[in-house]
């Protein structure tokens, strides 16, 4: 069989396996990797946003410290079932809590601006829903911890 025909067949088989894994709840490794990637992007965005505000409140440092912990935890969870069930949920829960705390602080910051909670202050003040996006990254890590691992049934790391 020509090489050009084998590639689409292999890609279709890989896609079929991935869809089967998702349908059967075997998505732990992939979601752990996505958590690590999401934490990287989110931590960078948080740092740039808070740096633009000159870290005016010391609490602005918390997400800069907490969110990046999901990067090594997510990578470890890709390779270790134990890390996926211990370290990843702990770091993810901390991120969710920090995101909820940040949401409160952002809304409080908006309310403290002259005029209180107005459309102008919602658009010009701290982003009201940005911390919830960080919480979503933590939620992905928590979800990864309860899913089953991908792979063939003969894989030793599979539950």
Protein backbone atom coordinates (compact mmCIF):
# COMPACT_ATOMS: atom_id res chain seq x y z
CA UNK A 1 0.00 0.00 0.00
CA UNK A 2 1.39 3.44 -0.87
CA UNK A 3 2.61 5.55 2.00
CA UNK A 4 0.08 8.33 1.22
CA UNK A 5 -2.84 5.96 1.92
CA UNK A 6 -1.42 4.71 5.22
CA UNK A 7 -1.24 8.17 6.81
CA UNK A 8 -4.97 8.99 6.60
CA UNK A 9 -5.81 5.49 7.82
CA UNK A 10 -3.45 5.85 10.79
CA UNK A 11 -4.82 9.31 11.58
CA UNK A 12 -8.39 7.99 11.41
CA UNK A 13 -7.49 5.11 13.74
CA UNK A 14 -5.85 7.50 16.19
CA UNK A 15 -8.88 9.79 16.11
CA UNK A 16 -11.19 6.81 16.61
CA UNK A 17 -9.19 5.67 19.63
CA UNK A 18 -9.24 9.19 21.09
CA UNK A 19 -13.02 9.46 20.63
CA UNK A 20 -13.52 6.06 22.26
CA UNK A 21 -11.36 7.10 25.22
CA UNK A 22 -13.38 10.29 25.71
CA UNK A 23 -16.71 8.46 25.44
CA UNK A 24 -15.62 5.90 28.04
CA UNK A 25 -14.17 8.48 30.44
CA UNK A 26 -10.55 7.59 29.71
CA UNK A 27 -9.18 11.09 29.34
CA UNK A 28 -6.99 11.55 32.42
CA UNK A 29 -3.59 11.99 30.76
CA UNK A 30 -4.85 14.30 28.04
CA UNK A 31 -6.77 16.49 30.46
CA UNK A 32 -3.77 16.62 32.81
CA UNK A 33 -1.62 17.82 29.90
CA UNK A 34 -4.27 20.39 28.94
CA UNK A 35 -4.33 21.58 32.56
CA UNK A 36 -0.57 22.13 32.49
CA UNK A 37 -0.80 23.99 29.17
CA UNK A 38 -3.76 26.07 30.34
CA UNK A 39 -1.97 26.97 33.56
CA UNK A 40 1.05 28.16 31.60
CA UNK A 41 -0.98 30.50 29.42
CA UNK A 42 -3.18 31.65 32.30
CA UNK A 43 -0.24 32.35 34.62
CA UNK A 44 1.42 34.46 31.93
CA UNK A 45 -1.75 36.43 31.33
CA UNK A 46 -2.27 36.97 35.06
CA UNK A 47 1.29 38.18 35.51
CA UNK A 48 1.05 40.65 32.62
CA UNK A 49 -2.34 41.98 33.78
CA UNK A 50 -1.27 42.37 37.38
CA UNK A 51 2.08 43.86 36.38
CA UNK A 52 0.15 46.40 34.28
CA UNK A 53 -1.67 47.34 37.48
CA UNK A 54 1.72 47.59 39.24
CA UNK A 55 0.73 44.85 41.68
CA UNK A 56 -1.14 47.57 43.59
CA UNK A 57 -2.51 45.05 46.08
CA UNK A 58 -0.28 42.39 47.61
CA UNK A 59 -3.04 39.83 46.97
CA UNK A 60 -2.26 40.18 43.26
CA UNK A 61 0.81 38.01 43.81
CA UNK A 62 -1.24 35.00 44.95
CA UNK A 63 -2.41 33.81 41.52
CA UNK A 64 1.06 34.46 40.11
CA UNK A 65 2.36 31.95 42.66
CA UNK A 66 -0.58 29.50 42.82
CA UNK A 67 -1.54 28.99 39.16
CA UNK A 68 1.91 27.90 37.89
CA UNK A 69 1.91 25.00 40.39
CA UNK A 70 -0.45 23.20 38.01
CA UNK A 71 2.26 23.04 35.34
CA UNK A 72 4.58 20.51 37.04
CA UNK A 73 1.57 18.78 38.65
CA UNK A 74 -0.11 18.34 35.27
CA UNK A 75 3.08 17.09 33.62
CA UNK A 76 3.66 14.66 36.49
CA UNK A 77 0.06 13.44 36.17
CA UNK A 78 0.64 12.62 32.51
CA UNK A 79 3.39 10.19 33.48
CA UNK A 80 2.26 9.05 36.94
CA UNK A 81 -1.12 7.73 38.00
CA UNK A 82 -0.24 8.49 41.62
CA UNK A 83 0.50 12.16 40.82
CA UNK A 84 -2.79 12.36 38.94
CA UNK A 85 -4.65 11.32 42.06
CA UNK A 86 -2.67 13.24 44.70
CA UNK A 87 -0.67 16.27 43.54
CA UNK A 88 -2.88 17.39 40.64
CA UNK A 89 -6.13 17.57 42.66
CA UNK A 90 -4.41 19.48 45.48
CA UNK A 91 -2.93 22.11 43.19
CA UNK A 92 -6.14 22.28 41.17
CA UNK A 93 -8.28 22.82 44.26
CA UNK A 94 -5.95 25.63 45.36
CA UNK A 95 -6.36 27.27 41.95
CA UNK A 96 -10.17 27.02 42.12
CA UNK A 97 -10.21 28.58 45.59
CA UNK A 98 -7.80 31.32 44.50
CA UNK A 99 -9.94 32.04 41.43
CA UNK A 100 -13.05 32.41 43.56
CA UNK A 101 -11.14 34.67 45.94
CA UNK A 102 -9.93 36.72 42.97
CA UNK A 103 -13.47 37.06 41.66
CA UNK A 104 -14.55 38.48 45.01
CA UNK A 105 -11.58 40.88 45.06
CA UNK A 106 -12.19 42.04 41.48
CA UNK A 107 -15.88 42.73 42.15
CA UNK A 108 -14.95 44.51 45.38
CA UNK A 109 -12.45 46.62 43.43
CA UNK A 110 -15.13 47.53 40.89
CA UNK A 111 -17.59 48.42 43.66
CA UNK A 112 -15.01 50.70 45.33
CA UNK A 113 -14.54 52.81 42.23
CA UNK A 114 -16.43 56.13 42.10
CA UNK A 115 -20.00 55.35 41.10
CA UNK A 116 -19.85 51.72 42.26
CA UNK A 117 -20.90 48.89 39.98
CA UNK A 118 -21.68 50.63 36.69
CA UNK A 119 -21.11 49.59 33.12
CA UNK A 120 -18.24 52.08 32.91
CA UNK A 121 -16.54 50.60 35.97
CA UNK A 122 -17.16 47.02 34.79
CA UNK A 123 -15.40 47.85 31.51
CA UNK A 124 -12.62 50.00 32.97
CA UNK A 125 -11.93 48.34 36.32
CA UNK A 126 -10.54 44.94 37.18
CA UNK A 127 -11.89 42.30 34.79
CA UNK A 128 -14.86 40.87 36.69
CA UNK A 129 -14.74 37.35 35.28
CA UNK A 130 -11.02 36.81 34.59
CA UNK A 131 -10.35 35.00 37.87
CA UNK A 132 -13.07 32.50 37.01
CA UNK A 133 -11.05 31.56 33.94
CA UNK A 134 -8.21 30.56 36.25
CA UNK A 135 -10.74 28.52 38.23
CA UNK A 136 -11.61 26.67 35.02
CA UNK A 137 -8.00 25.57 34.70
CA UNK A 138 -8.20 24.23 38.24
CA UNK A 139 -11.51 22.57 37.41
CA UNK A 140 -9.89 20.77 34.49
CA UNK A 141 -7.26 19.39 36.85
CA UNK A 142 -9.92 18.22 39.31
CA UNK A 143 -11.81 16.54 36.50
CA UNK A 144 -8.65 14.84 35.24
CA UNK A 145 -8.15 13.36 38.69
CA UNK A 146 -11.49 11.53 38.63
CA UNK A 147 -11.28 10.22 35.06
CA UNK A 148 -9.69 6.93 34.01
CA UNK A 149 -6.36 6.78 32.19
CA UNK A 150 -6.14 6.33 28.44
CA UNK A 151 -4.36 3.44 26.85
CA UNK A 152 -4.72 -0.23 26.07
CA UNK A 153 -6.11 -2.56 28.78
CA UNK A 154 -2.67 -4.21 29.04
CA UNK A 155 -1.01 -0.91 30.07
CA UNK A 156 0.26 -1.19 33.67
CA UNK A 157 -0.60 2.46 34.43
CA UNK A 158 -4.22 2.09 33.40
CA UNK A 159 -6.91 1.82 36.04
